[in-house]
Amino acid sequence: MTGGSWWKPVVPGYTLGIMKELQATIRYPEALLVGLKTTAERFEKEAALMLAVKLYELRRISSGMAARIAGLDRVTFLFTLQRYDVPVVDLTEEEFTEEVRNA
């Protein structure tokens, strides 16, 4: 059963597993690129990666979604987390105990 009055998308543009891609624009002075000794393309890729890493670290998104935002496959994204001192698995003591109990 699809559609119907019972189903309402939580996110506008999301329809039964098909997610529309959006794009964000970041304003920054050209002098920033000079100071960082980088190109606009490299800076924008790094900014997307850093956004993905931070949202993942805050547990706002999954590693799969973060990888998609960063333009990486999931495994590469997970290996990249160490560059930013973000653990791949960050369980509380209670969550860890529950995981061990369910293993």
C-alpha atoms as a PDB file:
ATOM      1  CA  MET A   1       0.000   0.000   0.000  1.00  0.00           C
ATOM      2  CA  THR A   2       1.482   3.357  -1.003  1.00  0.00           C
ATOM      3  CA  GLY A   3       0.274   6.913  -0.816  1.00  0.00           C
ATOM      4  CA  GLY A   4      -3.157   7.539   0.634  1.00  0.00           C
ATOM      5  CA  SER A   5      -4.298   9.874   3.356  1.00  0.00           C
ATOM      6  CA  TRP A   6      -2.520   7.909   6.105  1.00  0.00           C
ATOM      7  CA  TRP A   7       0.954   8.631   4.715  1.00  0.00           C
ATOM      8  CA  LYS A   8       2.560  12.039   4.934  1.00  0.00           C
ATOM      9  CA  PRO A   9       6.236  12.660   4.212  1.00  0.00           C
ATOM     10  CA  VAL A  10       8.231  13.879   7.185  1.00  0.00           C
ATOM     11  CA  VAL A  11      10.649  15.693   4.886  1.00  0.00           C
ATOM     12  CA  PRO A  12       9.312  17.725   1.958  1.00  0.00           C
ATOM     13  CA  GLY A  13      10.589  16.191  -1.274  1.00  0.00           C
ATOM     14  CA  TYR A  14      10.918  12.692   0.217  1.00  0.00           C
ATOM     15  CA  THR A  15       8.667  10.199  -1.480  1.00  0.00           C
ATOM     16  CA  LEU A  16       8.744   6.492  -0.623  1.00  0.00           C
ATOM     17  CA  GLY A  17      12.508   6.059  -0.522  1.00  0.00           C
ATOM     18  CA  ILE A  18      13.375   8.533  -3.280  1.00  0.00           C
ATOM     19  CA  MET A  19      15.163  11.513  -1.811  1.00  0.00           C
ATOM     20  CA  LYS A  20      15.499  14.679  -3.822  1.00  0.00           C
ATOM     21  CA  GLU A  21      18.971  16.184  -3.571  1.00  0.00           C
ATOM     22  CA  LEU A  22      19.268  19.818  -2.534  1.00  0.00           C
ATOM     23  CA  GLN A  23      22.277  22.109  -2.569  1.00  0.00           C
ATOM     24  CA  ALA A  24      23.453  24.658  -0.003  1.00  0.00           C
ATOM     25  CA  THR A  25      25.427  27.785  -0.766  1.00  0.00           C
ATOM     26  CA  ILE A  26      28.093  29.085   1.593  1.00  0.00           C
ATOM     27  CA  ARG A  27      29.323  32.658   1.363  1.00  0.00           C
ATOM     28  CA  TYR A  28      33.001  33.232   2.000  1.00  0.00           C
ATOM     29  CA  PRO A  29      35.491  35.905   1.002  1.00  0.00           C
ATOM     30  CA  GLU A  30      37.944  35.060  -1.756  1.00  0.00           C
ATOM     31  CA  ALA A  31      40.731  35.977   0.681  1.00  0.00           C
ATOM     32  CA  LEU A  32      39.832  32.861   2.675  1.00  0.00           C
ATOM     33  CA  LEU A  33      41.028  30.679  -0.193  1.00  0.00           C
ATOM     34  CA  VAL A  34      44.294  32.597  -0.326  1.00  0.00           C
ATOM     35  CA  GLY A  35      44.764  32.264   3.440  1.00  0.00           C
ATOM     36  CA  LEU A  36      44.024  28.539   3.336  1.00  0.00           C
ATOM     37  CA  LYS A  37      46.121  28.067   0.187  1.00  0.00           C
ATOM     38  CA  THR A  38      43.365  26.124  -1.506  1.00  0.00           C
ATOM     39  CA  THR A  39      40.941  26.299  -4.415  1.00  0.00           C
ATOM     40  CA  ALA A  40      37.213  26.936  -4.236  1.00  0.00           C
ATOM     41  CA  GLU A  41      36.524  23.350  -5.291  1.00  0.00           C
ATOM     42  CA  ARG A  42      38.775  21.855  -2.591  1.00  0.00           C
ATOM     43  CA  PHE A  43      37.392  24.200   0.076  1.00  0.00           C
ATOM     44  CA  GLU A  44      33.788  23.327  -0.797  1.00  0.00           C
ATOM     45  CA  LYS A  45      34.519  19.585  -0.715  1.00  0.00           C
ATOM     46  CA  GLU A  46      36.241  19.962   2.659  1.00  0.00           C
ATOM     47  CA  ALA A  47      33.338  22.054   4.003  1.00  0.00           C
ATOM     48  CA  ALA A  48      30.862  19.337   2.945  1.00  0.00           C
ATOM     49  CA  LEU A  49      33.012  16.691   4.630  1.00  0.00           C
ATOM     50  CA  MET A  50      33.301  18.726   7.827  1.00  0.00           C
ATOM     51  CA  LEU A  51      29.542  19.288   7.894  1.00  0.00           C
ATOM     52  CA  ALA A  52      28.953  15.557   7.464  1.00  0.00           C
ATOM     53  CA  VAL A  53      31.482  14.685  10.182  1.00  0.00           C
ATOM     54  CA  LYS A  54      29.955  17.125  12.677  1.00  0.00           C
ATOM     55  CA  LEU A  55      26.368  16.031  12.041  1.00  0.00           C
ATOM     56  CA  TYR A  56      27.464  12.408  12.447  1.00  0.00           C
ATOM     57  CA  GLU A  57      29.392  13.231  15.636  1.00  0.00           C
ATOM     58  CA  LEU A  58      26.288  14.912  17.074  1.00  0.00           C
ATOM     59  CA  ARG A  59      24.243  11.812  16.156  1.00  0.00           C
ATOM     60  CA  ARG A  60      21.977  13.870  13.938  1.00  0.00           C
ATOM     61  CA  ILE A  61      22.537  11.633  10.878  1.00  0.00           C
ATOM     62  CA  SER A  62      23.664   8.099  10.091  1.00  0.00           C
ATOM     63  CA  SER A  63      27.084   7.240   8.717  1.00  0.00           C
ATOM     64  CA  GLY A  64      25.436   6.408   5.390  1.00  0.00           C
ATOM     65  CA  MET A  65      23.803   9.826   5.141  1.00  0.00           C
ATOM     66  CA  ALA A  66      27.012  11.517   6.262  1.00  0.00           C
ATOM     67  CA  ALA A  67      28.958   9.667   3.570  1.00  0.00           C
ATOM     68  CA  ARG A  68      26.432  10.796   0.970  1.00  0.00           C
ATOM     69  CA  ILE A  69      26.775  14.445   2.055  1.00  0.00           C
ATOM     70  CA  ALA A  70      30.574  14.134   1.974  1.00  0.00           C
ATOM     71  CA  GLY A  71      30.516  12.529  -1.465  1.00  0.00           C
ATOM     72  CA  LEU A  72      32.251   9.375  -0.188  1.00  0.00           C
ATOM     73  CA  ASP A  73      31.344   5.734   0.157  1.00  0.00           C
ATOM     74  CA  ARG A  74      30.425   4.715   3.708  1.00  0.00           C
ATOM     75  CA  VAL A  75      33.620   2.781   4.489  1.00  0.00           C
ATOM     76  CA  THR A  76      35.850   5.647   3.320  1.00  0.00           C
ATOM     77  CA  PHE A  77      33.792   8.073   5.408  1.00  0.00           C
ATOM     78  CA  LEU A  78      34.169   5.888   8.507  1.00  0.00           C
ATOM     79  CA  PHE A  79      37.953   5.714   8.016  1.00  0.00           C
ATOM     80  CA  THR A  80      38.035   9.502   7.507  1.00  0.00           C
ATOM     81  CA  LEU A  81      36.522  10.109  10.962  1.00  0.00           C
ATOM     82  CA  GLN A  82      39.871   9.471  12.664  1.00  0.00           C
ATOM     83  CA  ARG A  83      41.308  12.599  10.990  1.00  0.00           C
ATOM     84  CA  TYR A  84      38.764  14.621  12.974  1.00  0.00           C
ATOM     85  CA  ASP A  85      39.097  12.628  16.228  1.00  0.00           C
ATOM     86  CA  VAL A  86      35.522  11.377  15.913  1.00  0.00           C
ATOM     87  CA  PRO A  87      34.981   7.778  17.052  1.00  0.00           C
ATOM     88  CA  VAL A  88      33.224   5.418  14.673  1.00  0.00           C
ATOM     89  CA  VAL A  89      31.379   3.903  17.631  1.00  0.00           C
ATOM     90  CA  ASP A  90      30.549   6.186  20.540  1.00  0.00           C
ATOM     91  CA  LEU A  91      28.368   4.272  22.961  1.00  0.00           C
ATOM     92  CA  THR A  92      27.432   5.322  26.447  1.00  0.00           C
ATOM     93  CA  GLU A  93      28.120   2.792  29.197  1.00  0.00           C
ATOM     94  CA  GLU A  94      24.432   1.826  29.183  1.00  0.00           C
ATOM     95  CA  GLU A  95      24.377   1.384  25.398  1.00  0.00           C
ATOM     96  CA  PHE A  96      27.567  -0.703  25.544  1.00  0.00           C
ATOM     97  CA  THR A  97      26.108  -2.923  28.272  1.00  0.00           C
ATOM     98  CA  GLU A  98      22.945  -3.388  26.215  1.00  0.00           C
ATOM     99  CA  GLU A  99      24.987  -4.278  23.103  1.00  0.00           C
ATOM    100  CA  VAL A 100      27.006  -6.882  25.066  1.00  0.00           C
ATOM    101  CA  ARG A 101      23.830  -8.316  26.560  1.00  0.00           C
ATOM    102  CA  ASN A 102      22.267  -8.653  23.102  1.00  0.00           C
ATOM    103  CA  ALA A 103      25.390 -10.136  21.461  1.00  0.00           C
END
